[in-house]
Amino acid sequence: MGASAAGPTSVVIRPEFDSVARPFHTITDEQWEAAWEAPMRATITEMHAAFHSGARRIVVVVPTTAMSGGSSYTHVAATAEGVRLLMKSAARQWGVHGVTVNAVAVGPAAVLDDPDIAGSSSLAPPALSTSDPSALIDFLCSEAAGDVTGQTIVVDGGVWM
């Protein structure tokens, strides 16, 4: 898990997903628990710590696999989608405290060991050749993003759209 402060009142959380390709029918109970439990618990812990430390902007980074699924990456998709739901629930609960919570979804290549195994999440090639989420993350961590919460914004060069 990699939380990093992006400013005095913002926290960026980058869950460490089990990025090894595992066909769904071969995942053991132990592998499923490790793939699900560790990232979920760590994300919950870091979100709570951010909230209790007074952070006003929380951004969680997830792969687009959360929204599209991916062959041999069911465990990543399910966990990442769970993290997105945590983000939405926190945004609803913490908004009354002036805290925004958002997700930035990045392309599978940023998270998965072999994104080619996951298959394409688009019938068309990417619209852009690069995708760097840093400017969007900086914006979501700023006071200018004070009215944006509970959102997942995709920065993957236009692969998933």
Protein backbone atom coordinates (compact mmCIF):
# COMPACT_ATOMS: atom_id res chain seq x y z
CA MET A 1 0.00 0.00 0.00
CA GLY A 2 1.39 3.35 -0.82
CA ALA A 3 -0.21 6.43 0.63
CA SER A 4 1.57 9.63 -0.13
CA ALA A 5 0.82 13.14 0.91
CA ALA A 6 0.15 15.35 -2.08
CA GLY A 7 -0.29 18.44 0.05
CA PRO A 8 -0.94 19.51 3.61
CA THR A 9 -4.59 18.48 3.51
CA SER A 10 -4.65 15.78 0.86
CA VAL A 11 -3.79 12.09 0.70
CA VAL A 12 -3.34 9.86 -2.35
CA ILE A 13 -3.86 6.15 -1.73
CA ARG A 14 -2.42 3.61 -4.15
CA PRO A 15 -3.61 0.13 -3.15
CA GLU A 16 -1.26 -2.73 -3.96
CA PHE A 17 -3.34 -5.18 -5.94
CA ASP A 18 -2.32 -8.82 -6.53
CA SER A 19 -1.25 -8.22 -10.10
CA VAL A 20 -0.43 -11.84 -11.03
CA ALA A 21 -2.68 -13.29 -13.72
CA ARG A 22 -4.84 -16.06 -12.23
CA PRO A 23 -7.63 -17.72 -14.23
CA PHE A 24 -10.80 -17.42 -12.15
CA HIS A 25 -11.43 -21.16 -12.01
CA THR A 26 -7.95 -21.82 -10.58
CA ILE A 27 -7.94 -19.30 -7.72
CA THR A 28 -7.71 -21.03 -4.36
CA ASP A 29 -9.46 -19.78 -1.25
CA GLU A 30 -6.10 -18.66 0.12
CA GLN A 31 -5.20 -16.76 -3.06
CA TRP A 32 -8.62 -15.12 -3.16
CA GLU A 33 -8.38 -14.05 0.47
CA ALA A 34 -4.90 -12.62 -0.05
CA ALA A 35 -5.95 -10.81 -3.24
CA TRP A 36 -9.05 -9.34 -1.60
CA GLU A 37 -8.36 -8.97 2.09
CA ALA A 38 -4.94 -7.29 2.14
CA PRO A 39 -5.71 -4.44 -0.29
CA MET A 40 -9.18 -3.84 1.17
CA ARG A 41 -7.97 -3.71 4.78
CA ALA A 42 -5.02 -1.50 3.87
CA THR A 43 -7.26 0.88 1.90
CA ILE A 44 -9.77 1.11 4.75
CA THR A 45 -6.95 1.75 7.23
CA GLU A 46 -5.40 4.46 5.06
CA MET A 47 -8.75 6.13 4.36
CA HIS A 48 -9.55 6.22 8.08
CA ALA A 49 -6.09 7.58 8.87
CA ALA A 50 -6.46 10.29 6.21
CA PHE A 51 -9.87 11.32 7.53
CA HIS A 52 -8.77 11.35 11.18
CA SER A 53 -5.60 13.31 10.34
CA GLY A 54 -7.71 16.12 8.94
CA ALA A 55 -7.21 15.49 5.22
CA ARG A 56 -9.78 17.35 3.14
CA ARG A 57 -8.98 15.68 -0.19
CA ILE A 58 -8.59 11.91 -0.52
CA VAL A 59 -7.83 10.28 -3.88
CA VAL A 60 -7.68 6.53 -4.42
CA VAL A 61 -5.95 5.13 -7.53
CA VAL A 62 -7.49 2.00 -9.08
CA PRO A 63 -7.11 0.17 -12.40
CA THR A 64 -9.82 0.43 -15.06
CA THR A 65 -10.01 -3.35 -14.67
CA ALA A 66 -12.42 -2.50 -11.82
CA MET A 67 -14.96 -1.27 -14.32
CA SER A 68 -14.40 -3.61 -17.24
CA GLY A 69 -13.21 -6.86 -15.69
CA GLY A 70 -10.36 -8.74 -17.23
CA SER A 71 -9.59 -12.28 -18.21
CA SER A 72 -7.39 -13.88 -15.53
CA TYR A 73 -7.74 -10.78 -13.37
CA THR A 74 -11.11 -11.37 -11.69
CA HIS A 75 -9.46 -11.00 -8.29
CA VAL A 76 -8.06 -7.58 -9.23
CA ALA A 77 -11.32 -6.39 -10.81
CA ALA A 78 -13.40 -7.43 -7.79
CA THR A 79 -11.00 -5.87 -5.30
CA ALA A 80 -10.60 -2.64 -7.26
CA GLU A 81 -14.38 -2.34 -7.63
CA GLY A 82 -14.68 -2.89 -3.87
CA VAL A 83 -12.19 -0.07 -3.32
CA ARG A 84 -14.28 2.17 -5.62
CA LEU A 85 -17.37 1.40 -3.53
CA LEU A 86 -15.46 2.25 -0.34
CA MET A 87 -14.53 5.57 -1.95
CA LYS A 88 -18.16 6.34 -2.84
CA SER A 89 -19.40 5.44 0.65
CA ALA A 90 -16.71 7.54 2.30
CA ALA A 91 -17.53 10.46 -0.01
CA ARG A 92 -21.20 10.31 1.03
CA GLN A 93 -20.38 10.09 4.75
CA TRP A 94 -17.49 12.52 4.95
CA GLY A 95 -18.88 15.24 2.67
CA VAL A 96 -20.68 16.84 5.62
CA HIS A 97 -17.20 17.38 7.10
CA GLY A 98 -15.95 19.11 3.94
CA VAL A 99 -13.93 16.08 2.85
CA THR A 100 -13.92 14.97 -0.78
CA VAL A 101 -13.08 11.41 -1.77
CA ASN A 102 -12.53 10.45 -5.41
CA ALA A 103 -10.93 7.72 -7.50
CA VAL A 104 -8.62 7.98 -10.46
CA ALA A 105 -8.77 4.90 -12.69
CA VAL A 106 -5.59 4.15 -14.61
CA GLY A 107 -4.97 1.75 -17.46
CA PRO A 108 -4.25 -1.91 -16.69
CA ALA A 109 -0.61 -1.53 -17.74
CA ALA A 110 -0.04 0.65 -14.67
CA VAL A 111 -1.15 -2.13 -12.31
CA LEU A 112 -1.17 -5.59 -13.90
CA ASP A 113 1.84 -7.82 -14.52
CA ASP A 114 0.57 -8.79 -17.98
CA PRO A 115 -2.23 -6.50 -19.17
CA ASP A 116 -2.37 -8.35 -22.50
CA ILE A 117 -3.77 -11.40 -20.68
CA ALA A 118 -6.58 -9.24 -19.31
CA GLY A 119 -7.70 -8.53 -22.83
CA SER A 120 -8.80 -5.24 -24.27
CA SER A 121 -11.45 -3.16 -22.57
CA SER A 122 -12.11 -1.42 -25.88
CA LEU A 123 -12.81 -2.43 -29.45
CA ALA A 124 -10.76 0.52 -30.67
CA PRO A 125 -7.13 1.43 -30.03
CA PRO A 126 -6.39 4.07 -27.38
CA ALA A 127 -7.27 7.60 -28.45
CA LEU A 128 -4.03 8.95 -26.96
CA SER A 129 -0.57 7.43 -26.86
CA THR A 130 0.14 8.38 -23.26
CA SER A 131 -1.76 8.77 -20.03
CA ASP A 132 -0.30 10.45 -16.99
CA PRO A 133 -2.73 10.85 -14.08
CA SER A 134 -0.52 13.19 -12.05
CA ALA A 135 -2.13 16.48 -13.18
CA LEU A 136 -5.62 15.14 -12.47
CA ILE A 137 -4.54 13.84 -9.06
CA ASP A 138 -3.02 17.25 -8.29
CA PHE A 139 -6.31 18.91 -9.25
CA LEU A 140 -8.41 16.54 -7.13
CA CYS A 141 -6.09 17.28 -4.19
CA SER A 142 -6.56 21.02 -4.59
CA GLU A 143 -9.12 23.39 -3.14
CA ALA A 144 -10.38 23.95 -6.70
CA ALA A 145 -11.85 20.44 -6.60
CA GLY A 146 -13.91 21.17 -3.50
CA ASP A 147 -17.18 20.38 -5.30
CA VAL A 148 -16.02 17.08 -6.82
CA THR A 149 -16.62 14.00 -4.70
CA GLY A 150 -17.60 10.37 -5.09
CA GLN A 151 -16.37 10.33 -8.68
CA THR A 152 -14.19 7.94 -10.64
CA ILE A 153 -12.28 9.73 -13.37
CA VAL A 154 -10.50 7.60 -15.94
CA VAL A 155 -7.02 8.55 -17.12
CA ASP A 156 -5.92 5.78 -19.47
CA GLY A 157 -5.40 7.50 -22.79
CA GLY A 158 -8.93 6.74 -23.91
CA VAL A 159 -8.80 2.95 -23.72
CA TRP A 160 -11.87 2.61 -21.50
CA MET A 161 -14.62 4.93 -22.62
